[in-house]
Amino acid sequence: MKQYVPTHDLSRTSLGEAVAARMGVSLDEGHAMVLAVLDTVAKTLAGGYGVSVTNFGSWHPVVKPGRRARNPQTGETVMVDDAFRVKWTTAPKLREIVNGEAEPTIKKAPKTPKEV
């Protein structure tokens, strides 16, 4: 497996290229893998459910309640409907990685066998 070391911000395209290099597959397959993950996350959130990735973070849909607002052109008061937003929570492990306090991998530690 080829080690990928980023040298710039990643777009969806360059993320697909990085995945392809890491997994040893074609660029088309790498792009398809990234799109499949992003599509699954989006559909799950649209369905009203959260997505959690161990040692990485979680996305949760939240409802921003309706409110009264003012039209700046007319000064008229209008009602703004409820709106869905997505809340991101960073996992402590990812925070440690970004701060340089941990090894840059999100893999879970192997389970230690229980003594009998």
PDB file of N, CA and C in Angstrom:
ATOM      1  N   MET A   1       0.841  -1.165   0.000  1.00  0.00           N
ATOM      2  CA  MET A   1       0.000   0.000   0.000  1.00  0.00           C
ATOM      3  C   MET A   1       0.893   1.238   0.000  1.00  0.00           C
ATOM      4  N   LYS A   2       0.643   2.148  -0.937  1.00  0.00           N
ATOM      5  CA  LYS A   2       1.453   3.346  -1.079  1.00  0.00           C
ATOM      6  C   LYS A   2       1.050   4.380  -0.040  1.00  0.00           C
ATOM      7  N   GLN A   3       2.023   4.970   0.633  1.00  0.00           N
ATOM      8  CA  GLN A   3       1.767   6.010   1.631  1.00  0.00           C
ATOM      9  C   GLN A   3       1.499   7.323   0.915  1.00  0.00           C
ATOM     10  N   TYR A   4       0.418   7.995   1.275  1.00  0.00           N
ATOM     11  CA  TYR A   4       0.099   9.289   0.683  1.00  0.00           C
ATOM     12  C   TYR A   4       0.440  10.376   1.682  1.00  0.00           C
ATOM     13  N   VAL A   5       1.235  11.338   1.254  1.00  0.00           N
ATOM     14  CA  VAL A   5       1.588  12.468   2.097  1.00  0.00           C
ATOM     15  C   VAL A   5       1.074  13.727   1.403  1.00  0.00           C
ATOM     16  N   PRO A   6       0.074  14.399   1.980  1.00  0.00           N
ATOM     17  CA  PRO A   6      -0.495  15.573   1.309  1.00  0.00           C
ATOM     18  C   PRO A   6       0.485  16.741   1.281  1.00  0.00           C
ATOM     19  N   THR A   7       0.419  17.499   0.184  1.00  0.00           N
ATOM     20  CA  THR A   7       1.263  18.680   0.039  1.00  0.00           C
ATOM     21  C   THR A   7       0.421  19.922  -0.243  1.00  0.00           C
ATOM     22  N   HIS A   8      -0.912  19.785  -0.188  1.00  0.00           N
ATOM     23  CA  HIS A   8      -1.817  20.901  -0.472  1.00  0.00           C
ATOM     24  C   HIS A   8      -3.206  20.548   0.048  1.00  0.00           C
ATOM     25  N   ASP A   9      -4.115  21.542   0.056  1.00  0.00           N
ATOM     26  CA  ASP A   9      -5.502  21.271   0.412  1.00  0.00           C
ATOM     27  C   ASP A   9      -6.090  20.299  -0.607  1.00  0.00           C
ATOM     28  N   LEU A  10      -7.005  19.470  -0.164  1.00  0.00           N
ATOM     29  CA  LEU A  10      -7.596  18.476  -1.058  1.00  0.00           C
ATOM     30  C   LEU A  10      -8.996  18.888  -1.489  1.00  0.00           C
ATOM     31  N   SER A  11      -9.248  18.808  -2.782  1.00  0.00           N
ATOM     32  CA  SER A  11     -10.600  18.945  -3.329  1.00  0.00           C
ATOM     33  C   SER A  11     -11.178  17.535  -3.418  1.00  0.00           C
ATOM     34  N   ARG A  12     -12.418  17.434  -3.846  1.00  0.00           N
ATOM     35  CA  ARG A  12     -13.006  16.106  -4.012  1.00  0.00           C
ATOM     36  C   ARG A  12     -12.216  15.295  -5.038  1.00  0.00           C
ATOM     37  N   THR A  13     -11.766  15.951  -6.103  1.00  0.00           N
ATOM     38  CA  THR A  13     -10.995  15.267  -7.141  1.00  0.00           C
ATOM     39  C   THR A  13      -9.654  14.781  -6.607  1.00  0.00           C
ATOM     40  N   SER A  14      -8.931  15.670  -5.917  1.00  0.00           N
ATOM     41  CA  SER A  14      -7.622  15.261  -5.410  1.00  0.00           C
ATOM     42  C   SER A  14      -7.751  14.255  -4.268  1.00  0.00           C
ATOM     43  N   LEU A  15      -8.863  14.295  -3.545  1.00  0.00           N
ATOM     44  CA  LEU A  15      -9.105  13.272  -2.530  1.00  0.00           C
ATOM     45  C   LEU A  15      -9.289  11.912  -3.199  1.00  0.00           C
ATOM     46  N   GLY A  16     -10.008  11.885  -4.324  1.00  0.00           N
ATOM     47  CA  GLY A  16     -10.164  10.644  -5.088  1.00  0.00           C
ATOM     48  C   GLY A  16      -8.838  10.116  -5.586  1.00  0.00           C
ATOM     49  N   GLU A  17      -7.966  11.017  -6.023  1.00  0.00           N
ATOM     50  CA  GLU A  17      -6.634  10.622  -6.482  1.00  0.00           C
ATOM     51  C   GLU A  17      -5.806  10.053  -5.328  1.00  0.00           C
ATOM     52  N   ALA A  18      -5.909  10.676  -4.150  1.00  0.00           N
ATOM     53  CA  ALA A  18      -5.169  10.201  -2.976  1.00  0.00           C
ATOM     54  C   ALA A  18      -5.659   8.822  -2.553  1.00  0.00           C
ATOM     55  N   VAL A  19      -6.968   8.620  -2.579  1.00  0.00           N
ATOM     56  CA  VAL A  19      -7.535   7.313  -2.218  1.00  0.00           C
ATOM     57  C   VAL A  19      -7.082   6.262  -3.221  1.00  0.00           C
ATOM     58  N   ALA A  20      -7.107   6.599  -4.498  1.00  0.00           N
ATOM     59  CA  ALA A  20      -6.670   5.647  -5.527  1.00  0.00           C
ATOM     60  C   ALA A  20      -5.216   5.246  -5.309  1.00  0.00           C
ATOM     61  N   ALA A  21      -4.352   6.231  -5.026  1.00  0.00           N
ATOM     62  CA  ALA A  21      -2.940   5.925  -4.788  1.00  0.00           C
ATOM     63  C   ALA A  21      -2.781   5.071  -3.540  1.00  0.00           C
ATOM     64  N   ARG A  22      -3.510   5.389  -2.496  1.00  0.00           N
ATOM     65  CA  ARG A  22      -3.391   4.664  -1.220  1.00  0.00           C
ATOM     66  C   ARG A  22      -3.875   3.221  -1.351  1.00  0.00           C
ATOM     67  N   MET A  23      -4.953   3.020  -2.104  1.00  0.00           N
ATOM     68  CA  MET A  23      -5.550   1.692  -2.236  1.00  0.00           C
ATOM     69  C   MET A  23      -4.982   0.897  -3.411  1.00  0.00           C
ATOM     70  N   GLY A  24      -4.194   1.533  -4.265  1.00  0.00           N
ATOM     71  CA  GLY A  24      -3.614   0.833  -5.409  1.00  0.00           C
ATOM     72  C   GLY A  24      -4.644   0.488  -6.468  1.00  0.00           C
ATOM     73  N   VAL A  25      -5.602   1.389  -6.673  1.00  0.00           N
ATOM     74  CA  VAL A  25      -6.646   1.166  -7.677  1.00  0.00           C
ATOM     75  C   VAL A  25      -6.576   2.295  -8.706  1.00  0.00           C
ATOM     76  N   SER A  26      -7.404   2.204  -9.732  1.00  0.00           N
ATOM     77  CA  SER A  26      -7.402   3.225 -10.777  1.00  0.00           C
ATOM     78  C   SER A  26      -7.985   4.531 -10.244  1.00  0.00           C
ATOM     79  N   LEU A  27      -7.711   5.619 -10.972  1.00  0.00           N
ATOM     80  CA  LEU A  27      -8.260   6.918 -10.579  1.00  0.00           C
ATOM     81  C   LEU A  27      -9.785   6.896 -10.569  1.00  0.00           C
ATOM     82  N   ASP A  28     -10.378   6.236 -11.572  1.00  0.00           N
ATOM     83  CA  ASP A  28     -11.842   6.150 -11.626  1.00  0.00           C
ATOM     84  C   ASP A  28     -12.397   5.439 -10.400  1.00  0.00           C
ATOM     85  N   GLU A  29     -11.724   4.367  -9.973  1.00  0.00           N
ATOM     86  CA  GLU A  29     -12.182   3.642  -8.786  1.00  0.00           C
ATOM     87  C   GLU A  29     -12.004   4.485  -7.518  1.00  0.00           C
ATOM     88  N   GLY A  30     -10.906   5.232  -7.438  1.00  0.00           N
ATOM     89  CA  GLY A  30     -10.681   6.111  -6.293  1.00  0.00           C
ATOM     90  C   GLY A  30     -11.745   7.186  -6.201  1.00  0.00           C
ATOM     91  N   HIS A  31     -12.069   7.789  -7.335  1.00  0.00           N
ATOM     92  CA  HIS A  31     -13.120   8.811  -7.371  1.00  0.00           C
ATOM     93  C   HIS A  31     -14.468   8.199  -6.999  1.00  0.00           C
ATOM     94  N   ALA A  32     -14.745   7.003  -7.494  1.00  0.00           N
ATOM     95  CA  ALA A  32     -16.006   6.328  -7.182  1.00  0.00           C
ATOM     96  C   ALA A  32     -16.117   6.025  -5.693  1.00  0.00           C
ATOM     97  N   MET A  33     -15.007   5.631  -5.063  1.00  0.00           N
ATOM     98  CA  MET A  33     -15.015   5.344  -3.631  1.00  0.00           C
ATOM     99  C   MET A  33     -15.342   6.595  -2.822  1.00  0.00           C
ATOM    100  N   VAL A  34     -14.689   7.700  -3.170  1.00  0.00           N
ATOM    101  CA  VAL A  34     -14.938   8.961  -2.459  1.00  0.00           C
ATOM    102  C   VAL A  34     -16.381   9.402  -2.647  1.00  0.00           C
ATOM    103  N   LEU A  35     -16.875   9.356  -3.883  1.00  0.00           N
ATOM    104  CA  LEU A  35     -18.254   9.751  -4.149  1.00  0.00           C
ATOM    105  C   LEU A  35     -19.248   8.863  -3.412  1.00  0.00           C
ATOM    106  N   ALA A  36     -18.959   7.570  -3.325  1.00  0.00           N
ATOM    107  CA  ALA A  36     -19.858   6.650  -2.616  1.00  0.00           C
ATOM    108  C   ALA A  36     -19.948   7.010  -1.140  1.00  0.00           C
ATOM    109  N   VAL A  37     -18.823   7.323  -0.527  1.00  0.00           N
ATOM    110  CA  VAL A  37     -18.830   7.702   0.896  1.00  0.00           C
ATOM    111  C   VAL A  37     -19.576   9.012   1.094  1.00  0.00           C
ATOM    112  N   LEU A  38     -19.242  10.026   0.289  1.00  0.00           N
ATOM    113  CA  LEU A  38     -19.890  11.329   0.442  1.00  0.00           C
ATOM    114  C   LEU A  38     -21.390  11.253   0.173  1.00  0.00           C
ATOM    115  N   ASP A  39     -21.772  10.478  -0.831  1.00  0.00           N
ATOM    116  CA  ASP A  39     -23.186  10.309  -1.157  1.00  0.00           C
ATOM    117  C   ASP A  39     -23.926   9.617  -0.015  1.00  0.00           C
ATOM    118  N   THR A  40     -23.310   8.619   0.581  1.00  0.00           N
ATOM    119  CA  THR A  40     -23.931   7.901   1.693  1.00  0.00           C
ATOM    120  C   THR A  40     -24.090   8.817   2.901  1.00  0.00           C
ATOM    121  N   VAL A  41     -23.076   9.618   3.188  1.00  0.00           N
ATOM    122  CA  VAL A  41     -23.171  10.570   4.306  1.00  0.00           C
ATOM    123  C   VAL A  41     -24.299  11.563   4.047  1.00  0.00           C
ATOM    124  N   ALA A  42     -24.361  12.127   2.845  1.00  0.00           N
ATOM    125  CA  ALA A  42     -25.387  13.117   2.513  1.00  0.00           C
ATOM    126  C   ALA A  42     -26.797  12.524   2.621  1.00  0.00           C
ATOM    127  N   LYS A  43     -26.988  11.327   2.089  1.00  0.00           N
ATOM    128  CA  LYS A  43     -28.316  10.697   2.127  1.00  0.00           C
ATOM    129  C   LYS A  43     -28.724  10.348   3.557  1.00  0.00           C
ATOM    130  N   THR A  44     -27.764   9.932   4.370  1.00  0.00           N
ATOM    131  CA  THR A  44     -28.055   9.608   5.762  1.00  0.00           C
ATOM    132  C   THR A  44     -28.486  10.862   6.516  1.00  0.00           C
ATOM    133  N   LEU A  45     -27.752  11.960   6.326  1.00  0.00           N
ATOM    134  CA  LEU A  45     -28.109  13.222   6.976  1.00  0.00           C
ATOM    135  C   LEU A  45     -29.455  13.742   6.482  1.00  0.00           C
ATOM    136  N   ALA A  46     -29.704  13.615   5.178  1.00  0.00           N
ATOM    137  CA  ALA A  46     -30.983  14.054   4.615  1.00  0.00           C
ATOM    138  C   ALA A  46     -32.140  13.248   5.191  1.00  0.00           C
ATOM    139  N   GLY A  47     -31.869  12.001   5.583  1.00  0.00           N
ATOM    140  CA  GLY A  47     -32.886  11.160   6.202  1.00  0.00           C
ATOM    141  C   GLY A  47     -33.104  11.479   7.672  1.00  0.00           C
ATOM    142  N   GLY A  48     -32.325  12.418   8.211  1.00  0.00           N
ATOM    143  CA  GLY A  48     -32.497  12.817   9.599  1.00  0.00           C
ATOM    144  C   GLY A  48     -31.639  12.040  10.585  1.00  0.00           C
ATOM    145  N   TYR A  49     -30.667  11.291  10.085  1.00  0.00           N
ATOM    146  CA  TYR A  49     -29.812  10.477  10.946  1.00  0.00           C
ATOM    147  C   TYR A  49     -28.388  11.020  10.963  1.00  0.00           C
ATOM    148  N   GLY A  50     -27.665  10.711  12.027  1.00  0.00           N
ATOM    149  CA  GLY A  50     -26.279  11.143  12.150  1.00  0.00           C
ATOM    150  C   GLY A  50     -25.319  10.118  11.590  1.00  0.00           C
ATOM    151  N   VAL A  51     -24.087  10.559  11.374  1.00  0.00           N
ATOM    152  CA  VAL A  51     -23.014   9.697  10.899  1.00  0.00           C
ATOM    153  C   VAL A  51     -21.817   9.901  11.822  1.00  0.00           C
ATOM    154  N   SER A  52     -21.309   8.804  12.395  1.00  0.00           N
ATOM    155  CA  SER A  52     -20.148   8.881  13.281  1.00  0.00           C
ATOM    156  C   SER A  52     -19.033   8.006  12.724  1.00  0.00           C
ATOM    157  N   VAL A  53     -17.826   8.546  12.708  1.00  0.00           N
ATOM    158  CA  VAL A  53     -16.651   7.806  12.268  1.00  0.00           C
ATOM    159  C   VAL A  53     -15.684   7.792  13.448  1.00  0.00           C
ATOM    160  N   THR A  54     -15.407   6.615  13.979  1.00  0.00           N
ATOM    161  CA  THR A  54     -14.535   6.467  15.140  1.00  0.00           C
ATOM    162  C   THR A  54     -13.193   7.149  14.903  1.00  0.00           C
ATOM    163  N   ASN A  55     -12.742   7.897  15.893  1.00  0.00           N
ATOM    164  CA  ASN A  55     -11.470   8.619  15.880  1.00  0.00           C
ATOM    165  C   ASN A  55     -11.394   9.711  14.818  1.00  0.00           C
ATOM    166  N   PHE A  56     -12.517  10.077  14.236  1.00  0.00           N
ATOM    167  CA  PHE A  56     -12.527  11.124  13.217  1.00  0.00           C
ATOM    168  C   PHE A  56     -13.506  12.223  13.592  1.00  0.00           C
ATOM    169  N   GLY A  57     -14.782  11.887  13.682  1.00  0.00           N
ATOM    170  CA  GLY A  57     -15.787  12.877  14.059  1.00  0.00           C
ATOM    171  C   GLY A  57     -17.171  12.413  13.695  1.00  0.00           C
ATOM    172  N   SER A  58     -18.135  13.315  13.856  1.00  0.00           N
ATOM    173  CA  SER A  58     -19.510  12.959  13.540  1.00  0.00           C
ATOM    174  C   SER A  58     -20.268  14.155  12.981  1.00  0.00           C
ATOM    175  N   TRP A  59     -21.226  13.844  12.136  1.00  0.00           N
ATOM    176  CA  TRP A  59     -22.146  14.820  11.568  1.00  0.00           C
ATOM    177  C   TRP A  59     -23.526  14.507  12.123  1.00  0.00           C
ATOM    178  N   HIS A  60     -24.256  15.539  12.507  1.00  0.00           N
ATOM    179  CA  HIS A  60     -25.613  15.340  13.005  1.00  0.00           C
ATOM    180  C   HIS A  60     -26.511  16.427  12.436  1.00  0.00           C
ATOM    181  N   PRO A  61     -27.697  16.024  11.918  1.00  0.00           N
ATOM    182  CA  PRO A  61     -28.631  17.045  11.448  1.00  0.00           C
ATOM    183  C   PRO A  61     -29.293  17.720  12.648  1.00  0.00           C
ATOM    184  N   VAL A  62     -29.415  19.017  12.596  1.00  0.00           N
ATOM    185  CA  VAL A  62     -30.094  19.775  13.641  1.00  0.00           C
ATOM    186  C   VAL A  62     -31.097  20.712  12.980  1.00  0.00           C
ATOM    187  N   VAL A  63     -32.141  21.039  13.709  1.00  0.00           N
ATOM    188  CA  VAL A  63     -33.165  21.933  13.178  1.00  0.00           C
ATOM    189  C   VAL A  63     -32.958  23.325  13.763  1.00  0.00           C
ATOM    190  N   LYS A  64     -32.827  24.298  12.892  1.00  0.00           N
ATOM    191  CA  LYS A  64     -32.776  25.682  13.321  1.00  0.00           C
ATOM    192  C   LYS A  64     -34.224  26.172  13.293  1.00  0.00           C
ATOM    193  N   PRO A  65     -34.776  26.531  14.456  1.00  0.00           N
ATOM    194  CA  PRO A  65     -36.201  26.879  14.506  1.00  0.00           C
ATOM    195  C   PRO A  65     -36.530  28.123  13.678  1.00  0.00           C
ATOM    196  N   GLY A  66     -37.789  28.169  13.245  1.00  0.00           N
ATOM    197  CA  GLY A  66     -38.267  29.333  12.503  1.00  0.00           C
ATOM    198  C   GLY A  66     -38.173  30.573  13.379  1.00  0.00           C
ATOM    199  N   ARG A  67     -38.144  31.719  12.721  1.00  0.00           N
ATOM    200  CA  ARG A  67     -37.999  32.963  13.475  1.00  0.00           C
ATOM    201  C   ARG A  67     -38.582  34.115  12.670  1.00  0.00           C
ATOM    202  N   ARG A  68     -38.755  35.225  13.355  1.00  0.00           N
ATOM    203  CA  ARG A  68     -39.161  36.442  12.664  1.00  0.00           C
ATOM    204  C   ARG A  68     -37.898  37.155  12.203  1.00  0.00           C
ATOM    205  N   ALA A  69     -37.960  37.693  11.005  1.00  0.00           N
ATOM    206  CA  ALA A  69     -36.836  38.442  10.459  1.00  0.00           C
ATOM    207  C   ALA A  69     -37.380  39.704   9.807  1.00  0.00           C
ATOM    208  N   ARG A  70     -36.494  40.589   9.427  1.00  0.00           N
ATOM    209  CA  ARG A  70     -36.901  41.840   8.809  1.00  0.00           C
ATOM    210  C   ARG A  70     -36.330  41.914   7.405  1.00  0.00           C
ATOM    211  N   ASN A  71     -37.200  42.234   6.461  1.00  0.00           N
ATOM    212  CA  ASN A  71     -36.763  42.448   5.085  1.00  0.00           C
ATOM    213  C   ASN A  71     -36.033  43.795   5.055  1.00  0.00           C
ATOM    214  N   PRO A  72     -34.725  43.817   4.745  1.00  0.00           N
ATOM    215  CA  PRO A  72     -33.986  45.073   4.812  1.00  0.00           C
ATOM    216  C   PRO A  72     -34.410  46.116   3.769  1.00  0.00           C
ATOM    217  N   GLN A  73     -35.050  45.679   2.686  1.00  0.00           N
ATOM    218  CA  GLN A  73     -35.460  46.631   1.648  1.00  0.00           C
ATOM    219  C   GLN A  73     -36.757  47.354   2.012  1.00  0.00           C
ATOM    220  N   THR A  74     -37.669  46.596   2.654  1.00  0.00           N
ATOM    221  CA  THR A  74     -38.980  47.190   2.952  1.00  0.00           C
ATOM    222  C   THR A  74     -39.193  47.436   4.440  1.00  0.00           C
ATOM    223  N   GLY A  75     -38.386  46.805   5.277  1.00  0.00           N
ATOM    224  CA  GLY A  75     -38.583  46.933   6.721  1.00  0.00           C
ATOM    225  C   GLY A  75     -39.698  46.039   7.230  1.00  0.00           C
ATOM    226  N   GLU A  76     -40.327  45.298   6.327  1.00  0.00           N
ATOM    227  CA  GLU A  76     -41.444  44.427   6.683  1.00  0.00           C
ATOM    228  C   GLU A  76     -40.941  43.212   7.482  1.00  0.00           C
ATOM    229  N   THR A  77     -41.729  42.805   8.487  1.00  0.00           N
ATOM    230  CA  THR A  77     -41.406  41.611   9.261  1.00  0.00           C
ATOM    231  C   THR A  77     -41.909  40.388   8.503  1.00  0.00           C
ATOM    232  N   VAL A  78     -41.036  39.396   8.360  1.00  0.00           N
ATOM    233  CA  VAL A  78     -41.397  38.157   7.670  1.00  0.00           C
ATOM    234  C   VAL A  78     -41.047  36.973   8.562  1.00  0.00           C
ATOM    235  N   MET A  79     -41.719  35.848   8.339  1.00  0.00           N
ATOM    236  CA  MET A  79     -41.411  34.620   9.074  1.00  0.00           C
ATOM    237  C   MET A  79     -40.470  33.761   8.237  1.00  0.00           C
ATOM    238  N   VAL A  80     -39.411  33.305   8.881  1.00  0.00           N
ATOM    239  CA  VAL A  80     -38.460  32.403   8.234  1.00  0.00           C
ATOM    240  C   VAL A  80     -38.766  31.002   8.756  1.00  0.00           C
ATOM    241  N   ASP A  81     -38.963  30.042   7.847  1.00  0.00           N
ATOM    242  CA  ASP A  81     -39.317  28.668   8.225  1.00  0.00           C
ATOM    243  C   ASP A  81     -38.173  27.966   8.943  1.00  0.00           C
ATOM    244  N   ASP A  82     -38.522  26.847   9.610  1.00  0.00           N
ATOM    245  CA  ASP A  82     -37.493  25.980  10.194  1.00  0.00           C
ATOM    246  C   ASP A  82     -36.526  25.577   9.092  1.00  0.00           C
ATOM    247  N   ALA A  83     -35.268  25.378   9.460  1.00  0.00           N
ATOM    248  CA  ALA A  83     -34.262  24.964   8.476  1.00  0.00           C
ATOM    249  C   ALA A  83     -33.361  23.902   9.096  1.00  0.00           C
ATOM    250  N   PHE A  84     -32.966  22.948   8.286  1.00  0.00           N
ATOM    251  CA  PHE A  84     -32.039  21.921   8.751  1.00  0.00           C
ATOM    252  C   PHE A  84     -30.614  22.393   8.534  1.00  0.00           C
ATOM    253  N   ARG A  85     -29.768  22.119   9.488  1.00  0.00           N
ATOM    254  CA  ARG A  85     -28.345  22.409   9.407  1.00  0.00           C
ATOM    255  C   ARG A  85     -27.601  21.131   9.764  1.00  0.00           C
ATOM    256  N   VAL A  86     -26.335  21.094   9.469  1.00  0.00           N
ATOM    257  CA  VAL A  86     -25.508  19.944   9.829  1.00  0.00           C
ATOM    258  C   VAL A  86     -24.467  20.411  10.832  1.00  0.00           C
ATOM    259  N   LYS A  87     -24.406  19.726  11.965  1.00  0.00           N
ATOM    260  CA  LYS A  87     -23.423  20.048  12.994  1.00  0.00           C
ATOM    261  C   LYS A  87     -22.285  19.032  12.900  1.00  0.00           C
ATOM    262  N   TRP A  88     -21.060  19.538  12.903  1.00  0.00           N
ATOM    263  CA  TRP A  88     -19.868  18.692  12.870  1.00  0.00           C
ATOM    264  C   TRP A  88     -19.227  18.701  14.249  1.00  0.00           C
ATOM    265  N   THR A  89     -18.888  17.531  14.760  1.00  0.00           N
ATOM    266  CA  THR A  89     -18.159  17.417  16.017  1.00  0.00           C
ATOM    267  C   THR A  89     -16.881  16.641  15.744  1.00  0.00           C
ATOM    268  N   THR A  90     -15.747  17.242  16.092  1.00  0.00           N
ATOM    269  CA  THR A  90     -14.458  16.612  15.869  1.00  0.00           C
ATOM    270  C   THR A  90     -14.148  15.642  16.994  1.00  0.00           C
ATOM    271  N   ALA A  91     -13.690  14.441  16.653  1.00  0.00           N
ATOM    272  CA  ALA A  91     -13.302  13.451  17.659  1.00  0.00           C
ATOM    273  C   ALA A  91     -12.011  13.905  18.347  1.00  0.00           C
ATOM    274  N   PRO A  92     -11.870  13.587  19.635  1.00  0.00           N
ATOM    275  CA  PRO A  92     -10.642  13.959  20.342  1.00  0.00           C
ATOM    276  C   PRO A  92      -9.377  13.439  19.658  1.00  0.00           C
ATOM    277  N   LYS A  93      -9.422  12.245  19.108  1.00  0.00           N
ATOM    278  CA  LYS A  93      -8.254  11.661  18.434  1.00  0.00           C
ATOM    279  C   LYS A  93      -7.830  12.514  17.240  1.00  0.00           C
ATOM    280  N   LEU A  94      -8.789  12.950  16.424  1.00  0.00           N
ATOM    281  CA  LEU A  94      -8.463  13.784  15.270  1.00  0.00           C
ATOM    282  C   LEU A  94      -7.893  15.122  15.736  1.00  0.00           C
ATOM    283  N   ARG A  95      -8.454  15.671  16.789  1.00  0.00           N
ATOM    284  CA  ARG A  95      -7.945  16.930  17.341  1.00  0.00           C
ATOM    285  C   ARG A  95      -6.478  16.767  17.753  1.00  0.00           C
ATOM    286  N   GLU A  96      -6.147  15.633  18.389  1.00  0.00           N
ATOM    287  CA  GLU A  96      -4.764  15.361  18.792  1.00  0.00           C
ATOM    288  C   GLU A  96      -3.848  15.239  17.570  1.00  0.00           C
ATOM    289  N   ILE A  97      -4.324  14.579  16.521  1.00  0.00           N
ATOM    290  CA  ILE A  97      -3.535  14.421  15.300  1.00  0.00           C
ATOM    291  C   ILE A  97      -3.242  15.786  14.681  1.00  0.00           C
ATOM    292  N   VAL A  98      -4.280  16.618  14.564  1.00  0.00           N
ATOM    293  CA  VAL A  98      -4.118  17.939  13.957  1.00  0.00           C
ATOM    294  C   VAL A  98      -3.168  18.805  14.775  1.00  0.00           C
ATOM    295  N   ASN A  99      -3.211  18.655  16.097  1.00  0.00           N
ATOM    296  CA  ASN A  99      -2.335  19.438  16.976  1.00  0.00           C
ATOM    297  C   ASN A  99      -0.935  18.850  17.090  1.00  0.00           C
ATOM    298  N   GLY A 100      -0.665  17.738  16.394  1.00  0.00           N
ATOM    299  CA  GLY A 100       0.652  17.125  16.418  1.00  0.00           C
ATOM    300  C   GLY A 100       0.949  16.349  17.694  1.00  0.00           C
ATOM    301  N   GLU A 101      -0.100  16.004  18.431  1.00  0.00           N
ATOM    302  CA  GLU A 101       0.070  15.290  19.694  1.00  0.00           C
ATOM    303  C   GLU A 101      -0.074  13.779  19.557  1.00  0.00           C
ATOM    304  N   ALA A 102      -0.446  13.306  18.366  1.00  0.00           N
ATOM    305  CA  ALA A 102      -0.659  11.870  18.166  1.00  0.00           C
ATOM    306  C   ALA A 102      -0.175  11.477  16.778  1.00  0.00           C
ATOM    307  N   GLU A 103       0.063  10.179  16.602  1.00  0.00           N
ATOM    308  CA  GLU A 103       0.465   9.615  15.317  1.00  0.00           C
ATOM    309  C   GLU A 103      -0.650   9.876  14.301  1.00  0.00           C
ATOM    310  N   PRO A 104      -0.321  10.318  13.079  1.00  0.00           N
ATOM    311  CA  PRO A 104      -1.354  10.662  12.114  1.00  0.00           C
ATOM    312  C   PRO A 104      -2.045   9.448  11.486  1.00  0.00           C
ATOM    313  N   THR A 105      -2.842   8.764  12.270  1.00  0.00           N
ATOM    314  CA  THR A 105      -3.677   7.677  11.770  1.00  0.00           C
ATOM    315  C   THR A 105      -4.932   7.604  12.618  1.00  0.00           C
ATOM    316  N   ILE A 106      -6.052   7.274  11.993  1.00  0.00           N
ATOM    317  CA  ILE A 106      -7.297   7.188  12.753  1.00  0.00           C
ATOM    318  C   ILE A 106      -7.691   5.740  13.026  1.00  0.00           C
ATOM    319  N   LYS A 107      -6.779   4.814  12.712  1.00  0.00           N
ATOM    320  CA  LYS A 107      -7.076   3.399  12.970  1.00  0.00           C
ATOM    321  C   LYS A 107      -7.287   3.171  14.451  1.00  0.00           C
ATOM    322  N   LYS A 108      -8.225   2.279  14.762  1.00  0.00           N
ATOM    323  CA  LYS A 108      -8.444   1.906  16.151  1.00  0.00           C
ATOM    324  C   LYS A 108      -7.300   1.009  16.612  1.00  0.00           C
ATOM    325  N   ALA A 109      -6.965   1.111  17.882  1.00  0.00           N
ATOM    326  CA  ALA A 109      -5.943   0.236  18.463  1.00  0.00           C
ATOM    327  C   ALA A 109      -6.480  -1.190  18.464  1.00  0.00           C
ATOM    328  N   PRO A 110      -5.624  -2.169  18.231  1.00  0.00           N
ATOM    329  CA  PRO A 110      -6.106  -3.557  18.243  1.00  0.00           C
ATOM    330  C   PRO A 110      -6.594  -3.952  19.630  1.00  0.00           C
ATOM    331  N   LYS A 111      -7.601  -4.789  19.628  1.00  0.00           N
ATOM    332  CA  LYS A 111      -8.133  -5.269  20.903  1.00  0.00           C
ATOM    333  C   LYS A 111      -7.121  -6.213  21.549  1.00  0.00           C
ATOM    334  N   THR A 112      -6.969  -6.096  22.838  1.00  0.00           N
ATOM    335  CA  THR A 112      -6.080  -7.005  23.538  1.00  0.00           C
ATOM    336  C   THR A 112      -6.891  -8.224  23.954  1.00  0.00           C
ATOM    337  N   PRO A 113      -6.343  -9.421  23.777  1.00  0.00           N
ATOM    338  CA  PRO A 113      -7.095 -10.623  24.134  1.00  0.00           C
ATOM    339  C   PRO A 113      -7.316 -10.685  25.648  1.00  0.00           C
ATOM    340  N   LYS A 114      -8.494 -11.138  26.028  1.00  0.00           N
ATOM    341  CA  LYS A 114      -8.817 -11.303  27.436  1.00  0.00           C
ATOM    342  C   LYS A 114      -8.155 -12.570  27.971  1.00  0.00           C
ATOM    343  N   GLU A 115      -7.655 -12.448  29.170  1.00  0.00           N
ATOM    344  CA  GLU A 115      -7.029 -13.618  29.796  1.00  0.00           C
ATOM    345  C   GLU A 115      -8.133 -14.499  30.363  1.00  0.00           C
ATOM    346  N   VAL A 116      -7.949 -15.805  30.205  1.00  0.00           N
ATOM    347  CA  VAL A 116      -8.942 -16.759  30.682  1.00  0.00           C
ATOM    348  C   VAL A 116      -8.565 -17.293  32.039  1.00  0.00           C
TER     349      VAL A 116
END
